[in-house]
Amino acid sequence: QVQLVVSGGGLVQAGGSLRLSCAASGRRFGINSMGWYRQALGNQRELVGAITNSGRTTYADSVKGRFTVSRDNGKITVYLQMNSLTPEDTAVYFCYAEEPFRAVTSWGQGTQVTVSS
């Protein structure tokens, strides 16, 4: 069992920056991809960005050039650096970790990000 603990989030003005962290504990050795989803009120959950344990990244088009996903493989921690935030980025952000050999995806608790105009 993998446990994910999220930190960061909060309220920021448009144009500002926030950094989210997600630390894994427990059964961590099988983790490959880690990343972030978000869900705005009334919308479906969408992928924001992800990174594999080899460092390959993928991003939603809406955040490319503004958000950066990074990872500390020693600490099994994934980060989301969010710059140039807009009110459209307001959502609850969730981190996840995939264990492909067990076909298991673990989720961290959501953290609210609110961007004021």
N, C-alpha and C. Protein backbone atom coordinates (compact mmCIF):
# COMPACT_ATOMS: atom_id res chain seq x y z
N GLN A 1 0.85 -1.19 0.00
CA GLN A 1 0.00 0.00 0.00
C GLN A 1 0.89 1.25 0.00
N VAL A 2 0.56 2.15 -0.91
CA VAL A 2 1.28 3.43 -1.00
C VAL A 2 0.42 4.52 -0.39
N GLN A 3 1.02 5.31 0.47
CA GLN A 3 0.33 6.48 1.00
C GLN A 3 0.95 7.73 0.41
N LEU A 4 0.11 8.67 0.03
CA LEU A 4 0.57 9.92 -0.57
C LEU A 4 0.08 11.07 0.29
N VAL A 5 1.00 11.94 0.65
CA VAL A 5 0.67 13.10 1.48
C VAL A 5 1.00 14.36 0.69
N VAL A 6 -0.01 15.19 0.52
CA VAL A 6 0.10 16.40 -0.29
C VAL A 6 0.28 17.61 0.61
N SER A 7 1.13 18.52 0.17
CA SER A 7 1.27 19.80 0.86
C SER A 7 1.32 20.90 -0.18
N GLY A 8 0.99 22.08 0.24
CA GLY A 8 0.94 23.22 -0.66
C GLY A 8 -0.50 23.56 -0.97
N GLY A 9 -0.68 24.40 -1.94
CA GLY A 9 -2.01 24.87 -2.27
C GLY A 9 -2.34 26.13 -1.51
N GLY A 10 -3.54 26.65 -1.75
CA GLY A 10 -3.97 27.86 -1.07
C GLY A 10 -4.52 28.88 -2.03
N LEU A 11 -4.51 30.12 -1.59
CA LEU A 11 -5.08 31.22 -2.36
C LEU A 11 -3.95 32.10 -2.90
N VAL A 12 -4.04 32.45 -4.16
CA VAL A 12 -3.03 33.29 -4.79
C VAL A 12 -3.71 34.19 -5.80
N GLN A 13 -3.12 35.34 -6.04
CA GLN A 13 -3.67 36.24 -7.06
C GLN A 13 -3.24 35.79 -8.44
N ALA A 14 -4.01 36.17 -9.42
CA ALA A 14 -3.69 35.86 -10.81
C ALA A 14 -2.29 36.37 -11.14
N GLY A 15 -1.54 35.54 -11.84
CA GLY A 15 -0.16 35.87 -12.17
C GLY A 15 0.84 35.36 -11.16
N GLY A 16 0.35 34.89 -10.05
CA GLY A 16 1.22 34.39 -9.00
C GLY A 16 1.63 32.95 -9.22
N SER A 17 2.34 32.42 -8.22
CA SER A 17 2.88 31.06 -8.29
C SER A 17 2.57 30.29 -7.02
N LEU A 18 2.47 29.00 -7.18
CA LEU A 18 2.33 28.08 -6.05
C LEU A 18 3.10 26.81 -6.36
N ARG A 19 3.50 26.12 -5.30
CA ARG A 19 4.18 24.84 -5.47
C ARG A 19 3.50 23.80 -4.60
N LEU A 20 3.15 22.70 -5.24
CA LEU A 20 2.56 21.56 -4.54
C LEU A 20 3.61 20.45 -4.42
N SER A 21 3.53 19.73 -3.31
CA SER A 21 4.40 18.57 -3.10
C SER A 21 3.55 17.37 -2.75
N CYS A 22 4.04 16.20 -3.11
CA CYS A 22 3.33 14.96 -2.83
C CYS A 22 4.37 13.90 -2.50
N ALA A 23 4.40 13.47 -1.25
CA ALA A 23 5.40 12.51 -0.79
C ALA A 23 4.78 11.14 -0.61
N ALA A 24 5.46 10.13 -1.14
CA ALA A 24 4.97 8.75 -1.05
C ALA A 24 5.67 8.03 0.09
N SER A 25 4.91 7.18 0.76
CA SER A 25 5.46 6.32 1.79
C SER A 25 4.81 4.96 1.66
N GLY A 26 5.34 4.00 2.40
CA GLY A 26 4.79 2.66 2.32
C GLY A 26 5.47 1.87 1.20
N ARG A 27 4.68 1.12 0.46
CA ARG A 27 5.18 0.23 -0.59
C ARG A 27 5.53 1.06 -1.82
N ARG A 28 6.73 1.66 -1.84
CA ARG A 28 7.06 2.65 -2.86
C ARG A 28 7.86 2.11 -4.02
N PHE A 29 8.47 0.94 -3.89
CA PHE A 29 9.48 0.52 -4.87
C PHE A 29 8.89 0.20 -6.24
N GLY A 30 7.60 -0.05 -6.32
CA GLY A 30 6.99 -0.40 -7.59
C GLY A 30 6.42 0.79 -8.35
N ILE A 31 6.60 2.00 -7.81
CA ILE A 31 6.02 3.18 -8.43
C ILE A 31 6.75 3.54 -9.71
N ASN A 32 5.99 3.81 -10.77
CA ASN A 32 6.57 4.35 -11.99
C ASN A 32 6.08 5.78 -12.15
N SER A 33 4.96 5.97 -12.77
CA SER A 33 4.47 7.32 -13.04
C SER A 33 3.87 7.95 -11.78
N MET A 34 4.17 9.23 -11.59
CA MET A 34 3.53 10.04 -10.55
C MET A 34 3.10 11.34 -11.21
N GLY A 35 2.10 11.96 -10.65
CA GLY A 35 1.67 13.22 -11.25
C GLY A 35 0.49 13.83 -10.56
N TRP A 36 -0.18 14.70 -11.31
CA TRP A 36 -1.23 15.53 -10.75
C TRP A 36 -2.45 15.58 -11.67
N TYR A 37 -3.60 15.48 -11.05
CA TYR A 37 -4.87 15.77 -11.69
C TYR A 37 -5.50 16.96 -10.97
N ARG A 38 -6.48 17.54 -11.60
CA ARG A 38 -7.25 18.57 -10.94
C ARG A 38 -8.71 18.44 -11.32
N GLN A 39 -9.55 18.95 -10.44
CA GLN A 39 -10.99 18.92 -10.69
C GLN A 39 -11.58 20.23 -10.23
N ALA A 40 -12.07 20.98 -11.20
CA ALA A 40 -12.76 22.23 -10.89
C ALA A 40 -14.23 21.93 -10.62
N LEU A 41 -14.89 22.82 -9.92
CA LEU A 41 -16.28 22.62 -9.56
C LEU A 41 -17.13 22.42 -10.80
N GLY A 42 -17.84 21.33 -10.85
CA GLY A 42 -18.72 21.05 -11.97
C GLY A 42 -18.04 20.41 -13.16
N ASN A 43 -16.73 20.22 -13.08
CA ASN A 43 -15.99 19.63 -14.19
C ASN A 43 -15.47 18.24 -13.84
N GLN A 44 -15.07 17.53 -14.88
CA GLN A 44 -14.46 16.23 -14.66
C GLN A 44 -12.99 16.41 -14.23
N ARG A 45 -12.47 15.38 -13.59
CA ARG A 45 -11.07 15.40 -13.22
C ARG A 45 -10.22 15.33 -14.48
N GLU A 46 -9.19 16.17 -14.57
CA GLU A 46 -8.33 16.18 -15.75
C GLU A 46 -6.87 16.08 -15.34
N LEU A 47 -6.10 15.45 -16.21
CA LEU A 47 -4.67 15.33 -15.97
C LEU A 47 -4.01 16.69 -16.15
N VAL A 48 -3.19 17.07 -15.19
CA VAL A 48 -2.42 18.31 -15.29
C VAL A 48 -1.02 18.02 -15.82
N GLY A 49 -0.34 17.09 -15.18
CA GLY A 49 1.00 16.73 -15.61
C GLY A 49 1.45 15.49 -14.90
N ALA A 50 2.40 14.78 -15.50
CA ALA A 50 2.88 13.54 -14.94
C ALA A 50 4.35 13.36 -15.29
N ILE A 51 5.02 12.53 -14.51
CA ILE A 51 6.43 12.25 -14.75
C ILE A 51 6.71 10.80 -14.40
N THR A 52 7.46 10.13 -15.26
CA THR A 52 7.83 8.75 -14.99
C THR A 52 9.11 8.72 -14.15
N ASN A 53 9.47 7.52 -13.68
CA ASN A 53 10.68 7.45 -12.86
C ASN A 53 11.95 7.65 -13.68
N SER A 54 11.82 7.67 -15.02
CA SER A 54 12.96 8.00 -15.87
C SER A 54 13.00 9.47 -16.24
N GLY A 55 12.00 10.23 -15.76
CA GLY A 55 11.99 11.66 -15.98
C GLY A 55 11.20 12.16 -17.16
N ARG A 56 10.51 11.25 -17.85
CA ARG A 56 9.70 11.69 -18.98
C ARG A 56 8.44 12.37 -18.46
N THR A 57 8.13 13.53 -19.02
CA THR A 57 6.99 14.31 -18.55
C THR A 57 5.92 14.45 -19.62
N THR A 58 4.72 14.69 -19.18
CA THR A 58 3.61 15.00 -20.06
C THR A 58 2.75 16.04 -19.36
N TYR A 59 2.14 16.93 -20.16
CA TYR A 59 1.36 18.02 -19.61
C TYR A 59 0.06 18.21 -20.40
N ALA A 60 -0.92 18.73 -19.70
CA ALA A 60 -2.12 19.20 -20.39
C ALA A 60 -1.76 20.44 -21.20
N ASP A 61 -2.39 20.60 -22.34
CA ASP A 61 -2.10 21.75 -23.19
C ASP A 61 -2.32 23.07 -22.45
N SER A 62 -3.29 23.08 -21.58
CA SER A 62 -3.66 24.32 -20.89
C SER A 62 -2.61 24.80 -19.90
N VAL A 63 -1.66 23.93 -19.53
CA VAL A 63 -0.66 24.33 -18.54
C VAL A 63 0.76 24.33 -19.09
N LYS A 64 0.92 23.90 -20.32
CA LYS A 64 2.27 23.86 -20.91
C LYS A 64 2.90 25.24 -20.90
N GLY A 65 4.16 25.27 -20.48
CA GLY A 65 4.88 26.53 -20.41
C GLY A 65 4.67 27.29 -19.11
N ARG A 66 3.69 26.86 -18.32
CA ARG A 66 3.42 27.54 -17.04
C ARG A 66 3.67 26.63 -15.84
N PHE A 67 3.35 25.36 -16.00
CA PHE A 67 3.49 24.40 -14.89
C PHE A 67 4.66 23.46 -15.18
N THR A 68 5.32 23.03 -14.12
CA THR A 68 6.41 22.08 -14.25
C THR A 68 6.25 20.98 -13.21
N VAL A 69 6.28 19.75 -13.69
CA VAL A 69 6.26 18.59 -12.81
C VAL A 69 7.70 18.10 -12.66
N SER A 70 8.11 17.88 -11.44
CA SER A 70 9.44 17.33 -11.18
C SER A 70 9.34 16.27 -10.10
N ARG A 71 10.45 15.59 -9.91
CA ARG A 71 10.38 14.43 -9.03
C ARG A 71 11.72 14.21 -8.36
N ASP A 72 11.69 13.84 -7.12
CA ASP A 72 12.87 13.42 -6.37
C ASP A 72 12.73 11.92 -6.16
N ASN A 73 13.46 11.14 -6.93
CA ASN A 73 13.31 9.69 -6.83
C ASN A 73 13.83 9.14 -5.51
N GLY A 74 14.76 9.83 -4.91
CA GLY A 74 15.27 9.37 -3.62
C GLY A 74 14.20 9.48 -2.53
N LYS A 75 13.47 10.58 -2.57
CA LYS A 75 12.42 10.82 -1.58
C LYS A 75 11.06 10.31 -2.05
N ILE A 76 10.99 9.85 -3.30
CA ILE A 76 9.73 9.45 -3.92
C ILE A 76 8.69 10.56 -3.70
N THR A 77 9.07 11.73 -4.14
CA THR A 77 8.22 12.91 -4.00
C THR A 77 8.06 13.57 -5.36
N VAL A 78 6.86 13.96 -5.66
CA VAL A 78 6.59 14.66 -6.91
C VAL A 78 6.14 16.08 -6.58
N TYR A 79 6.56 17.00 -7.43
CA TYR A 79 6.26 18.42 -7.21
C TYR A 79 5.50 18.97 -8.42
N LEU A 80 4.73 19.99 -8.15
CA LEU A 80 4.06 20.72 -9.23
C LEU A 80 4.31 22.21 -8.99
N GLN A 81 5.17 22.78 -9.81
CA GLN A 81 5.42 24.21 -9.76
C GLN A 81 4.47 24.89 -10.73
N MET A 82 3.66 25.79 -10.20
CA MET A 82 2.63 26.45 -11.01
C MET A 82 2.94 27.94 -11.06
N ASN A 83 3.20 28.42 -12.25
CA ASN A 83 3.50 29.84 -12.47
C ASN A 83 2.43 30.46 -13.35
N SER A 84 2.38 31.78 -13.33
CA SER A 84 1.44 32.52 -14.16
C SER A 84 0.02 31.98 -14.01
N LEU A 85 -0.37 31.80 -12.79
CA LEU A 85 -1.69 31.21 -12.51
C LEU A 85 -2.82 32.15 -12.94
N THR A 86 -3.88 31.54 -13.40
CA THR A 86 -5.09 32.27 -13.80
C THR A 86 -6.28 31.72 -13.03
N PRO A 87 -7.39 32.46 -12.98
CA PRO A 87 -8.57 31.94 -12.29
C PRO A 87 -9.04 30.58 -12.83
N GLU A 88 -8.74 30.31 -14.09
CA GLU A 88 -9.13 29.02 -14.67
C GLU A 88 -8.35 27.85 -14.09
N ASP A 89 -7.29 28.13 -13.36
CA ASP A 89 -6.54 27.06 -12.70
C ASP A 89 -7.12 26.70 -11.34
N THR A 90 -8.13 27.43 -10.92
CA THR A 90 -8.77 27.14 -9.64
C THR A 90 -9.41 25.75 -9.68
N ALA A 91 -9.03 24.92 -8.73
CA ALA A 91 -9.50 23.54 -8.69
C ALA A 91 -8.96 22.86 -7.45
N VAL A 92 -9.46 21.67 -7.21
CA VAL A 92 -8.83 20.79 -6.23
C VAL A 92 -7.81 19.94 -6.99
N TYR A 93 -6.60 19.93 -6.49
CA TYR A 93 -5.50 19.21 -7.13
C TYR A 93 -5.21 17.92 -6.35
N PHE A 94 -5.06 16.84 -7.11
CA PHE A 94 -4.80 15.53 -6.53
C PHE A 94 -3.50 14.98 -7.11
N CYS A 95 -2.69 14.36 -6.27
CA CYS A 95 -1.54 13.65 -6.82
C CYS A 95 -1.85 12.16 -6.87
N TYR A 96 -1.12 11.46 -7.72
CA TYR A 96 -1.31 10.03 -7.84
C TYR A 96 0.04 9.35 -8.06
N ALA A 97 0.05 8.05 -7.83
CA ALA A 97 1.23 7.24 -8.10
C ALA A 97 0.77 5.91 -8.68
N GLU A 98 1.38 5.53 -9.78
CA GLU A 98 1.01 4.28 -10.44
C GLU A 98 2.04 3.19 -10.18
N GLU A 99 1.55 2.01 -9.89
CA GLU A 99 2.38 0.83 -9.77
C GLU A 99 1.96 -0.11 -10.88
N PRO A 100 2.63 -0.07 -12.02
CA PRO A 100 2.17 -0.83 -13.18
C PRO A 100 2.16 -2.34 -13.00
N PHE A 101 3.09 -2.89 -12.25
CA PHE A 101 3.15 -4.34 -12.10
C PHE A 101 2.01 -4.86 -11.23
N ARG A 102 1.51 -4.00 -10.36
CA ARG A 102 0.37 -4.39 -9.53
C ARG A 102 -0.94 -3.80 -10.08
N ALA A 103 -0.83 -3.01 -11.14
CA ALA A 103 -2.01 -2.36 -11.72
C ALA A 103 -2.79 -1.59 -10.67
N VAL A 104 -2.04 -0.85 -9.84
CA VAL A 104 -2.65 -0.09 -8.76
C VAL A 104 -2.29 1.39 -8.93
N THR A 105 -3.27 2.23 -8.74
CA THR A 105 -3.05 3.67 -8.69
C THR A 105 -3.49 4.17 -7.32
N SER A 106 -2.58 4.84 -6.64
CA SER A 106 -2.88 5.41 -5.33
C SER A 106 -3.06 6.91 -5.47
N TRP A 107 -3.91 7.46 -4.61
CA TRP A 107 -4.24 8.88 -4.67
C TRP A 107 -3.95 9.56 -3.34
N GLY A 108 -3.47 10.78 -3.44
CA GLY A 108 -3.31 11.61 -2.26
C GLY A 108 -4.59 12.39 -2.00
N GLN A 109 -4.63 13.04 -0.85
CA GLN A 109 -5.79 13.88 -0.57
C GLN A 109 -5.75 15.10 -1.47
N GLY A 110 -6.85 15.63 -1.81
CA GLY A 110 -6.89 16.82 -2.65
C GLY A 110 -6.47 18.05 -1.89
N THR A 111 -5.95 19.01 -2.63
CA THR A 111 -5.62 20.29 -2.03
C THR A 111 -6.21 21.39 -2.90
N GLN A 112 -6.83 22.35 -2.27
CA GLN A 112 -7.51 23.41 -2.99
C GLN A 112 -6.52 24.47 -3.44
N VAL A 113 -6.61 24.81 -4.71
CA VAL A 113 -5.87 25.94 -5.27
C VAL A 113 -6.90 26.93 -5.78
N THR A 114 -6.86 28.13 -5.26
CA THR A 114 -7.79 29.17 -5.67
C THR A 114 -7.00 30.37 -6.18
N VAL A 115 -7.32 30.77 -7.40
CA VAL A 115 -6.64 31.91 -8.02
C VAL A 115 -7.66 33.03 -8.17
N SER A 116 -7.38 34.14 -7.53
CA SER A 116 -8.30 35.28 -7.59
C SER A 116 -7.89 36.22 -8.72
N SER A 117 -8.89 36.85 -9.29
CA SER A 117 -8.62 37.76 -10.41
C SER A 117 -8.34 39.18 -9.92
